[in-house]
């Protein structure tokens, strides 16, 4: 049973950390928007902040496993969904005579 908790920990921790990182990026975007409002509209700092915000909007902070499965807080539920689906299929095929 001890090994089950290790595998569960290995699955959940990266998903939670990726979600927290995306949340931190959102907080940074809010701070930069506030700074942009305080800066002059034509200053060098304002231009740099605008360019960085455009870059962040174009390339959002998202992690994918094999480019398909998003790594966020819903990842453990995706794993559980796949496991239950294949368990049901295996049970159905085991009753074929």
PDB file of N, CA and C in Angstrom:
ATOM      1  N   UNK A   1       0.811  -1.188   0.000  1.00  0.00           N
ATOM      2  CA  UNK A   1       0.000   0.000   0.000  1.00  0.00           C
ATOM      3  C   UNK A   1       0.857   1.256   0.000  1.00  0.00           C
ATOM      4  N   UNK A   2       2.052   1.147   0.573  1.00  0.00           N
ATOM      5  CA  UNK A   2       2.956   2.286   0.629  1.00  0.00           C
ATOM      6  C   UNK A   2       3.349   2.768  -0.768  1.00  0.00           C
ATOM      7  N   UNK A   3       3.523   1.840  -1.692  1.00  0.00           N
ATOM      8  CA  UNK A   3       3.912   2.189  -3.057  1.00  0.00           C
ATOM      9  C   UNK A   3       2.799   2.957  -3.763  1.00  0.00           C
ATOM     10  N   UNK A   4       1.538   2.711  -3.397  1.00  0.00           N
ATOM     11  CA  UNK A   4       0.413   3.417  -4.029  1.00  0.00           C
ATOM     12  C   UNK A   4       0.482   4.907  -3.720  1.00  0.00           C
ATOM     13  N   UNK A   5       0.847   5.240  -2.485  1.00  0.00           N
ATOM     14  CA  UNK A   5       0.961   6.648  -2.128  1.00  0.00           C
ATOM     15  C   UNK A   5       2.120   7.315  -2.848  1.00  0.00           C
ATOM     16  N   UNK A   6       3.190   6.581  -3.084  1.00  0.00           N
ATOM     17  CA  UNK A   6       4.322   7.139  -3.825  1.00  0.00           C
ATOM     18  C   UNK A   6       3.915   7.469  -5.260  1.00  0.00           C
ATOM     19  N   UNK A   7       3.211   6.544  -5.919  1.00  0.00           N
ATOM     20  CA  UNK A   7       2.778   6.792  -7.280  1.00  0.00           C
ATOM     21  C   UNK A   7       1.744   7.919  -7.341  1.00  0.00           C
ATOM     22  N   UNK A   8       0.865   7.968  -6.369  1.00  0.00           N
ATOM     23  CA  UNK A   8      -0.114   9.038  -6.299  1.00  0.00           C
ATOM     24  C   UNK A   8       0.581  10.384  -6.116  1.00  0.00           C
ATOM     25  N   UNK A   9       1.588  10.409  -5.277  1.00  0.00           N
ATOM     26  CA  UNK A   9       2.370  11.621  -5.047  1.00  0.00           C
ATOM     27  C   UNK A   9       3.085  12.058  -6.321  1.00  0.00           C
ATOM     28  N   UNK A  10       3.631  11.113  -7.063  1.00  0.00           N
ATOM     29  CA  UNK A  10       4.349  11.419  -8.304  1.00  0.00           C
ATOM     30  C   UNK A  10       3.403  11.991  -9.355  1.00  0.00           C
ATOM     31  N   UNK A  11       2.157  11.572  -9.352  1.00  0.00           N
ATOM     32  CA  UNK A  11       1.183  12.065 -10.330  1.00  0.00           C
ATOM     33  C   UNK A  11       0.635  13.429  -9.935  1.00  0.00           C
ATOM     34  N   UNK A  12       0.367  13.635  -8.666  1.00  0.00           N
ATOM     35  CA  UNK A  12      -0.319  14.847  -8.227  1.00  0.00           C
ATOM     36  C   UNK A  12       0.613  16.052  -8.110  1.00  0.00           C
ATOM     37  N   UNK A  13       1.807  15.872  -7.600  1.00  0.00           N
ATOM     38  CA  UNK A  13       2.694  17.007  -7.334  1.00  0.00           C
ATOM     39  C   UNK A  13       3.030  17.817  -8.592  1.00  0.00           C
ATOM     40  N   UNK A  14       3.427  17.223  -9.716  1.00  0.00           N
ATOM     41  CA  UNK A  14       3.700  18.050 -10.895  1.00  0.00           C
ATOM     42  C   UNK A  14       2.469  18.815 -11.379  1.00  0.00           C
ATOM     43  N   UNK A  15       1.300  18.206 -11.271  1.00  0.00           N
ATOM     44  CA  UNK A  15       0.078  18.885 -11.702  1.00  0.00           C
ATOM     45  C   UNK A  15      -0.206  20.105 -10.840  1.00  0.00           C
ATOM     46  N   UNK A  16      -0.047  19.959  -9.534  1.00  0.00           N
ATOM     47  CA  UNK A  16      -0.297  21.072  -8.623  1.00  0.00           C
ATOM     48  C   UNK A  16       0.740  22.172  -8.830  1.00  0.00           C
ATOM     49  N   UNK A  17       1.992  21.798  -8.995  1.00  0.00           N
ATOM     50  CA  UNK A  17       3.038  22.801  -9.210  1.00  0.00           C
ATOM     51  C   UNK A  17       2.842  23.558 -10.525  1.00  0.00           C
ATOM     52  N   UNK A  18       2.424  22.868 -11.566  1.00  0.00           N
ATOM     53  CA  UNK A  18       2.175  23.542 -12.845  1.00  0.00           C
ATOM     54  C   UNK A  18       1.009  24.518 -12.721  1.00  0.00           C
ATOM     55  N   UNK A  19      -0.013  24.147 -11.980  1.00  0.00           N
ATOM     56  CA  UNK A  19      -1.149  25.053 -11.781  1.00  0.00           C
ATOM     57  C   UNK A  19      -0.745  26.266 -10.958  1.00  0.00           C
ATOM     58  N   UNK A  20       0.065  26.038  -9.946  1.00  0.00           N
ATOM     59  CA  UNK A  20       0.528  27.174  -9.131  1.00  0.00           C
ATOM     60  C   UNK A  20       1.401  28.116  -9.939  1.00  0.00           C
ATOM     61  N   UNK A  21       2.223  27.566 -10.812  1.00  0.00           N
ATOM     62  CA  UNK A  21       3.079  28.398 -11.657  1.00  0.00           C
ATOM     63  C   UNK A  21       2.234  29.242 -12.609  1.00  0.00           C
ATOM     64  N   UNK A  22       1.211  28.657 -13.186  1.00  0.00           N
ATOM     65  CA  UNK A  22       0.323  29.418 -14.071  1.00  0.00           C
ATOM     66  C   UNK A  22      -0.401  30.508 -13.297  1.00  0.00           C
ATOM     67  N   UNK A  23      -0.769  30.228 -12.059  1.00  0.00           N
ATOM     68  CA  UNK A  23      -1.421  31.236 -11.228  1.00  0.00           C
ATOM     69  C   UNK A  23      -0.469  32.387 -10.917  1.00  0.00           C
ATOM     70  N   UNK A  24       0.789  32.065 -10.652  1.00  0.00           N
ATOM     71  CA  UNK A  24       1.789  33.110 -10.399  1.00  0.00           C
ATOM     72  C   UNK A  24       1.993  33.992 -11.623  1.00  0.00           C
ATOM     73  N   UNK A  25       1.975  33.402 -12.799  1.00  0.00           N
ATOM     74  CA  UNK A  25       2.106  34.181 -14.036  1.00  0.00           C
ATOM     75  C   UNK A  25       0.921  35.134 -14.180  1.00  0.00           C
ATOM     76  N   UNK A  26      -0.267  34.671 -13.838  1.00  0.00           N
ATOM     77  CA  UNK A  26      -1.439  35.542 -13.886  1.00  0.00           C
ATOM     78  C   UNK A  26      -1.302  36.703 -12.909  1.00  0.00           C
ATOM     79  N   UNK A  27      -0.760  36.442 -11.733  1.00  0.00           N
ATOM     80  CA  UNK A  27      -0.548  37.521 -10.761  1.00  0.00           C
ATOM     81  C   UNK A  27       0.483  38.524 -11.281  1.00  0.00           C
ATOM     82  N   UNK A  28       1.525  38.036 -11.951  1.00  0.00           N
ATOM     83  CA  UNK A  28       2.533  38.937 -12.530  1.00  0.00           C
ATOM     84  C   UNK A  28       1.913  39.800 -13.619  1.00  0.00           C
ATOM     85  N   UNK A  29       1.023  39.223 -14.413  1.00  0.00           N
ATOM     86  CA  UNK A  29       0.344  39.997 -15.455  1.00  0.00           C
ATOM     87  C   UNK A  29      -0.486  41.121 -14.845  1.00  0.00           C
ATOM     88  N   UNK A  30      -1.158  40.851 -13.743  1.00  0.00           N
ATOM     89  CA  UNK A  30      -1.952  41.890 -13.078  1.00  0.00           C
ATOM     90  C   UNK A  30      -1.055  43.001 -12.564  1.00  0.00           C
ATOM     91  N   UNK A  31       0.071  42.634 -11.974  1.00  0.00           N
ATOM     92  CA  UNK A  31       1.015  43.636 -11.472  1.00  0.00           C
ATOM     93  C   UNK A  31       1.554  44.479 -12.621  1.00  0.00           C
ATOM     94  N   UNK A  32       1.872  43.849 -13.736  1.00  0.00           N
ATOM     95  CA  UNK A  32       2.400  44.603 -14.880  1.00  0.00           C
ATOM     96  C   UNK A  32       1.349  45.534 -15.474  1.00  0.00           C
ATOM     97  N   UNK A  33       0.090  45.096 -15.498  1.00  0.00           N
ATOM     98  CA  UNK A  33      -0.965  45.991 -15.980  1.00  0.00           C
ATOM     99  C   UNK A  33      -1.112  47.201 -15.063  1.00  0.00           C
ATOM    100  N   UNK A  34      -0.979  46.993 -13.764  1.00  0.00           N
ATOM    101  CA  UNK A  34      -1.041  48.117 -12.829  1.00  0.00           C
ATOM    102  C   UNK A  34       0.137  49.058 -13.038  1.00  0.00           C
ATOM    103  N   UNK A  35       1.327  48.504 -13.232  1.00  0.00           N
ATOM    104  CA  UNK A  35       2.516  49.338 -13.501  1.00  0.00           C
ATOM    105  C   UNK A  35       2.348  50.126 -14.797  1.00  0.00           C
ATOM    106  N   UNK A  36       1.734  49.487 -15.792  1.00  0.00           N
ATOM    107  CA  UNK A  36       1.533  50.146 -17.077  1.00  0.00           C
ATOM    108  C   UNK A  36       0.594  51.333 -16.932  1.00  0.00           C
ATOM    109  N   UNK A  37      -0.392  51.224 -16.086  1.00  0.00           N
ATOM    110  CA  UNK A  37      -1.299  52.348 -15.856  1.00  0.00           C
ATOM    111  C   UNK A  37      -0.593  53.519 -15.185  1.00  0.00           C
ATOM    112  N   UNK A  38       0.401  53.222 -14.352  1.00  0.00           N
ATOM    113  CA  UNK A  38       1.125  54.280 -13.647  1.00  0.00           C
ATOM    114  C   UNK A  38       2.217  54.921 -14.501  1.00  0.00           C
ATOM    115  N   UNK A  39       2.741  54.206 -15.460  1.00  0.00           N
ATOM    116  CA  UNK A  39       3.810  54.728 -16.324  1.00  0.00           C
ATOM    117  C   UNK A  39       3.232  55.680 -17.367  1.00  0.00           C
ATOM    118  N   UNK A  40       4.086  56.500 -17.894  1.00  0.00           N
ATOM    119  CA  UNK A  40       3.653  57.371 -18.993  1.00  0.00           C
ATOM    120  C   UNK A  40       3.433  56.515 -20.232  1.00  0.00           C
ATOM    121  N   UNK A  41       2.534  56.925 -21.085  1.00  0.00           N
ATOM    122  CA  UNK A  41       2.131  56.113 -22.242  1.00  0.00           C
ATOM    123  C   UNK A  41       3.244  55.985 -23.274  1.00  0.00           C
ATOM    124  N   UNK A  42       4.224  56.891 -23.281  1.00  0.00           N
ATOM    125  CA  UNK A  42       5.244  56.857 -24.329  1.00  0.00           C
ATOM    126  C   UNK A  42       6.639  56.545 -23.787  1.00  0.00           C
ATOM    127  N   UNK A  43       6.773  56.273 -22.516  1.00  0.00           N
ATOM    128  CA  UNK A  43       8.088  56.001 -21.944  1.00  0.00           C
ATOM    129  C   UNK A  43       8.643  54.663 -22.394  1.00  0.00           C
ATOM    130  N   UNK A  44       9.971  54.527 -22.255  1.00  0.00           N
ATOM    131  CA  UNK A  44      10.628  53.273 -22.628  1.00  0.00           C
ATOM    132  C   UNK A  44      10.159  52.107 -21.758  1.00  0.00           C
ATOM    133  N   UNK A  45       9.922  52.406 -20.480  1.00  0.00           N
ATOM    134  CA  UNK A  45       9.438  51.353 -19.593  1.00  0.00           C
ATOM    135  C   UNK A  45       8.057  50.876 -20.015  1.00  0.00           C
ATOM    136  N   UNK A  46       7.198  51.810 -20.383  1.00  0.00           N
ATOM    137  CA  UNK A  46       5.839  51.458 -20.792  1.00  0.00           C
ATOM    138  C   UNK A  46       5.859  50.595 -22.047  1.00  0.00           C
ATOM    139  N   UNK A  47       6.742  50.917 -22.971  1.00  0.00           N
ATOM    140  CA  UNK A  47       6.847  50.131 -24.203  1.00  0.00           C
ATOM    141  C   UNK A  47       7.349  48.724 -23.885  1.00  0.00           C
ATOM    142  N   UNK A  48       8.328  48.624 -22.998  1.00  0.00           N
ATOM    143  CA  UNK A  48       8.859  47.317 -22.625  1.00  0.00           C
ATOM    144  C   UNK A  48       7.794  46.489 -21.909  1.00  0.00           C
ATOM    145  N   UNK A  49       7.030  47.117 -21.025  1.00  0.00           N
ATOM    146  CA  UNK A  49       5.968  46.397 -20.312  1.00  0.00           C
ATOM    147  C   UNK A  49       4.901  45.929 -21.290  1.00  0.00           C
ATOM    148  N   UNK A  50       4.519  46.810 -22.225  1.00  0.00           N
ATOM    149  CA  UNK A  50       3.514  46.425 -23.228  1.00  0.00           C
ATOM    150  C   UNK A  50       3.994  45.253 -24.070  1.00  0.00           C
ATOM    151  N   UNK A  51       5.246  45.305 -24.512  1.00  0.00           N
ATOM    152  CA  UNK A  51       5.797  44.215 -25.323  1.00  0.00           C
ATOM    153  C   UNK A  51       5.834  42.900 -24.541  1.00  0.00           C
ATOM    154  N   UNK A  52       6.198  42.973 -23.264  1.00  0.00           N
ATOM    155  CA  UNK A  52       6.249  41.767 -22.452  1.00  0.00           C
ATOM    156  C   UNK A  52       4.852  41.202 -22.232  1.00  0.00           C
ATOM    157  N   UNK A  53       3.870  42.070 -22.004  1.00  0.00           N
ATOM    158  CA  UNK A  53       2.494  41.603 -21.836  1.00  0.00           C
ATOM    159  C   UNK A  53       1.961  40.969 -23.116  1.00  0.00           C
ATOM    160  N   UNK A  54       2.318  41.532 -24.252  1.00  0.00           N
ATOM    161  CA  UNK A  54       1.917  40.926 -25.522  1.00  0.00           C
ATOM    162  C   UNK A  54       2.560  39.555 -25.705  1.00  0.00           C
ATOM    163  N   UNK A  55       3.816  39.433 -25.291  1.00  0.00           N
ATOM    164  CA  UNK A  55       4.499  38.148 -25.383  1.00  0.00           C
ATOM    165  C   UNK A  55       3.844  37.109 -24.478  1.00  0.00           C
ATOM    166  N   UNK A  56       3.513  37.516 -23.252  1.00  0.00           N
ATOM    167  CA  UNK A  56       2.875  36.585 -22.320  1.00  0.00           C
ATOM    168  C   UNK A  56       1.509  36.154 -22.845  1.00  0.00           C
ATOM    169  N   UNK A  57       0.761  37.078 -23.459  1.00  0.00           N
ATOM    170  CA  UNK A  57      -0.543  36.713 -24.017  1.00  0.00           C
ATOM    171  C   UNK A  57      -0.400  35.779 -25.211  1.00  0.00           C
ATOM    172  N   UNK A  58       0.657  35.967 -26.002  1.00  0.00           N
ATOM    173  CA  UNK A  58       0.862  35.116 -27.172  1.00  0.00           C
ATOM    174  C   UNK A  58       1.366  33.729 -26.783  1.00  0.00           C
ATOM    175  N   UNK A  59       2.145  33.639 -25.714  1.00  0.00           N
ATOM    176  CA  UNK A  59       2.712  32.363 -25.259  1.00  0.00           C
ATOM    177  C   UNK A  59       2.317  32.110 -23.808  1.00  0.00           C
ATOM    178  N   UNK A  60       1.083  31.682 -23.560  1.00  0.00           N
ATOM    179  CA  UNK A  60       0.651  31.472 -22.168  1.00  0.00           C
ATOM    180  C   UNK A  60       1.419  30.334 -21.506  1.00  0.00           C
ATOM    181  N   UNK A  61       1.476  30.402 -20.192  1.00  0.00           N
ATOM    182  CA  UNK A  61       2.208  29.416 -19.413  1.00  0.00           C
ATOM    183  C   UNK A  61       1.347  28.163 -19.244  1.00  0.00           C
ATOM    184  N   UNK A  62       1.553  27.183 -20.121  1.00  0.00           N
ATOM    185  CA  UNK A  62       0.835  25.913 -20.065  1.00  0.00           C
ATOM    186  C   UNK A  62       1.833  24.792 -20.309  1.00  0.00           C
ATOM    187  N   UNK A  63       1.639  23.720 -19.595  1.00  0.00           N
ATOM    188  CA  UNK A  63       2.481  22.548 -19.764  1.00  0.00           C
ATOM    189  C   UNK A  63       1.635  21.403 -20.295  1.00  0.00           C
ATOM    190  N   UNK A  64       2.189  20.659 -21.240  1.00  0.00           N
ATOM    191  CA  UNK A  64       1.497  19.509 -21.811  1.00  0.00           C
ATOM    192  C   UNK A  64       2.398  18.283 -21.733  1.00  0.00           C
ATOM    193  N   UNK A  65       1.783  17.142 -21.516  1.00  0.00           N
ATOM    194  CA  UNK A  65       2.508  15.881 -21.524  1.00  0.00           C
ATOM    195  C   UNK A  65       2.389  15.305 -22.927  1.00  0.00           C
ATOM    196  N   UNK A  66       3.512  15.097 -23.577  1.00  0.00           N
ATOM    197  CA  UNK A  66       3.578  14.617 -24.965  1.00  0.00           C
ATOM    198  C   UNK A  66       2.809  15.535 -25.912  1.00  0.00           C
ATOM    199  N   UNK A  67       2.647  16.792 -25.544  1.00  0.00           N
ATOM    200  CA  UNK A  67       1.963  17.744 -26.403  1.00  0.00           C
ATOM    201  C   UNK A  67       0.469  17.530 -26.517  1.00  0.00           C
ATOM    202  N   UNK A  68      -0.102  16.654 -25.705  1.00  0.00           N
ATOM    203  CA  UNK A  68      -1.521  16.318 -25.826  1.00  0.00           C
ATOM    204  C   UNK A  68      -2.290  16.586 -24.538  1.00  0.00           C
ATOM    205  N   UNK A  69      -1.817  16.032 -23.441  1.00  0.00           N
ATOM    206  CA  UNK A  69      -2.551  16.090 -22.178  1.00  0.00           C
ATOM    207  C   UNK A  69      -2.080  17.304 -21.377  1.00  0.00           C
ATOM    208  N   UNK A  70      -2.992  18.222 -21.038  1.00  0.00           N
ATOM    209  CA  UNK A  70      -2.575  19.389 -20.254  1.00  0.00           C
ATOM    210  C   UNK A  70      -2.206  18.991 -18.827  1.00  0.00           C
ATOM    211  N   UNK A  71      -1.129  19.576 -18.342  1.00  0.00           N
ATOM    212  CA  UNK A  71      -0.668  19.301 -16.978  1.00  0.00           C
ATOM    213  C   UNK A  71      -1.166  20.438 -16.089  1.00  0.00           C
ATOM    214  N   UNK A  72      -2.295  20.206 -15.441  1.00  0.00           N
ATOM    215  CA  UNK A  72      -2.862  21.157 -14.496  1.00  0.00           C
ATOM    216  C   UNK A  72      -3.543  20.369 -13.387  1.00  0.00           C
ATOM    217  N   UNK A  73      -4.353  21.032 -12.580  1.00  0.00           N
ATOM    218  CA  UNK A  73      -4.982  20.336 -11.448  1.00  0.00           C
ATOM    219  C   UNK A  73      -5.958  19.254 -11.881  1.00  0.00           C
ATOM    220  N   UNK A  74      -6.412  19.289 -13.123  1.00  0.00           N
ATOM    221  CA  UNK A  74      -7.337  18.250 -13.589  1.00  0.00           C
ATOM    222  C   UNK A  74      -6.597  16.985 -14.050  1.00  0.00           C
ATOM    223  N   UNK A  75      -5.285  17.010 -14.082  1.00  0.00           N
ATOM    224  CA  UNK A  75      -4.507  15.867 -14.565  1.00  0.00           C
ATOM    225  C   UNK A  75      -4.751  14.579 -13.775  1.00  0.00           C
ATOM    226  N   UNK A  76      -4.784  14.609 -12.433  1.00  0.00           N
ATOM    227  CA  UNK A  76      -5.079  13.354 -11.720  1.00  0.00           C
ATOM    228  C   UNK A  76      -6.441  12.773 -12.095  1.00  0.00           C
ATOM    229  N   UNK A  77      -7.417  13.626 -12.377  1.00  0.00           N
ATOM    230  CA  UNK A  77      -8.731  13.133 -12.775  1.00  0.00           C
ATOM    231  C   UNK A  77      -8.699  12.536 -14.179  1.00  0.00           C
ATOM    232  N   UNK A  78      -7.845  13.070 -15.041  1.00  0.00           N
ATOM    233  CA  UNK A  78      -7.673  12.485 -16.378  1.00  0.00           C
ATOM    234  C   UNK A  78      -7.089  11.083 -16.248  1.00  0.00           C
ATOM    235  N   UNK A  79      -6.094  10.934 -15.396  1.00  0.00           N
ATOM    236  CA  UNK A  79      -5.484   9.621 -15.156  1.00  0.00           C
ATOM    237  C   UNK A  79      -6.532   8.650 -14.596  1.00  0.00           C
ATOM    238  N   UNK A  80      -7.316   9.110 -13.634  1.00  0.00           N
ATOM    239  CA  UNK A  80      -8.361   8.268 -13.047  1.00  0.00           C
ATOM    240  C   UNK A  80      -9.406   7.882 -14.086  1.00  0.00           C
ATOM    241  N   UNK A  81      -9.780   8.819 -14.951  1.00  0.00           N
ATOM    242  CA  UNK A  81     -10.749   8.556 -16.005  1.00  0.00           C
ATOM    243  C   UNK A  81     -10.246   7.483 -16.966  1.00  0.00           C
ATOM    244  N   UNK A  82      -9.002   7.581 -17.386  1.00  0.00           N
ATOM    245  CA  UNK A  82      -8.425   6.585 -18.293  1.00  0.00           C
ATOM    246  C   UNK A  82      -8.355   5.222 -17.604  1.00  0.00           C
ATOM    247  N   UNK A  83      -7.938   5.206 -16.352  1.00  0.00           N
ATOM    248  CA  UNK A  83      -7.839   3.945 -15.615  1.00  0.00           C
ATOM    249  C   UNK A  83      -9.199   3.262 -15.490  1.00  0.00           C
ATOM    250  N   UNK A  84     -10.230   4.016 -15.106  1.00  0.00           N
ATOM    251  CA  UNK A  84     -11.565   3.435 -14.938  1.00  0.00           C
ATOM    252  C   UNK A  84     -12.121   2.961 -16.274  1.00  0.00           C
ATOM    253  N   UNK A  85     -11.901   3.743 -17.343  1.00  0.00           N
ATOM    254  CA  UNK A  85     -12.394   3.347 -18.663  1.00  0.00           C
ATOM    255  C   UNK A  85     -11.780   2.023 -19.104  1.00  0.00           C
ATOM    256  N   UNK A  86     -10.469   1.883 -18.975  1.00  0.00           N
ATOM    257  CA  UNK A  86      -9.836   0.638 -19.391  1.00  0.00           C
ATOM    258  C   UNK A  86     -10.146  -0.511 -18.441  1.00  0.00           C
ATOM    259  N   UNK A  87     -10.420  -0.229 -17.186  1.00  0.00           N
ATOM    260  CA  UNK A  87     -10.841  -1.269 -16.263  1.00  0.00           C
ATOM    261  C   UNK A  87     -12.214  -1.817 -16.657  1.00  0.00           C
ATOM    262  N   UNK A  88     -13.119  -0.926 -17.041  1.00  0.00           N
ATOM    263  CA  UNK A  88     -14.448  -1.357 -17.492  1.00  0.00           C
ATOM    264  C   UNK A  88     -14.334  -2.187 -18.768  1.00  0.00           C
ATOM    265  N   UNK A  89     -13.505  -1.756 -19.686  1.00  0.00           N
ATOM    266  CA  UNK A  89     -13.320  -2.516 -20.926  1.00  0.00           C
ATOM    267  C   UNK A  89     -12.730  -3.885 -20.624  1.00  0.00           C
ATOM    268  N   UNK A  90     -11.769  -3.959 -19.738  1.00  0.00           N
ATOM    269  CA  UNK A  90     -11.160  -5.253 -19.394  1.00  0.00           C
ATOM    270  C   UNK A  90     -12.173  -6.178 -18.736  1.00  0.00           C
ATOM    271  N   UNK A  91     -13.020  -5.638 -17.883  1.00  0.00           N
ATOM    272  CA  UNK A  91     -14.043  -6.467 -17.234  1.00  0.00           C
ATOM    273  C   UNK A  91     -15.047  -6.971 -18.263  1.00  0.00           C
ATOM    274  N   UNK A  92     -15.425  -6.122 -19.203  1.00  0.00           N
ATOM    275  CA  UNK A  92     -16.386  -6.548 -20.221  1.00  0.00           C
ATOM    276  C   UNK A  92     -15.799  -7.628 -21.130  1.00  0.00           C
ATOM    277  N   UNK A  93     -14.529  -7.507 -21.485  1.00  0.00           N
ATOM    278  CA  UNK A  93     -13.921  -8.529 -22.336  1.00  0.00           C
ATOM    279  C   UNK A  93     -13.620  -9.819 -21.580  1.00  0.00           C
ATOM    280  N   UNK A  94     -13.516  -9.761 -20.278  1.00  0.00           N
ATOM    281  CA  UNK A  94     -13.231 -10.981 -19.517  1.00  0.00           C
ATOM    282  C   UNK A  94     -14.450 -11.883 -19.414  1.00  0.00           C
ATOM    283  N   UNK A  95     -15.645 -11.384 -19.707  1.00  0.00           N
ATOM    284  CA  UNK A  95     -16.856 -12.184 -19.633  1.00  0.00           C
ATOM    285  C   UNK A  95     -17.285 -12.753 -20.978  1.00  0.00           C
ATOM    286  N   UNK A  96     -16.438 -12.665 -21.988  1.00  0.00           N
ATOM    287  CA  UNK A  96     -16.754 -13.249 -23.283  1.00  0.00           C
ATOM    288  C   UNK A  96     -16.502 -14.754 -23.215  1.00  0.00           C
ATOM    289  N   UNK A  97     -17.443 -15.537 -23.694  1.00  0.00           N
ATOM    290  CA  UNK A  97     -17.319 -17.006 -23.609  1.00  0.00           C
ATOM    291  C   UNK A  97     -16.648 -17.564 -24.816  1.00  0.00           C
TER     292      UNK A  97
END
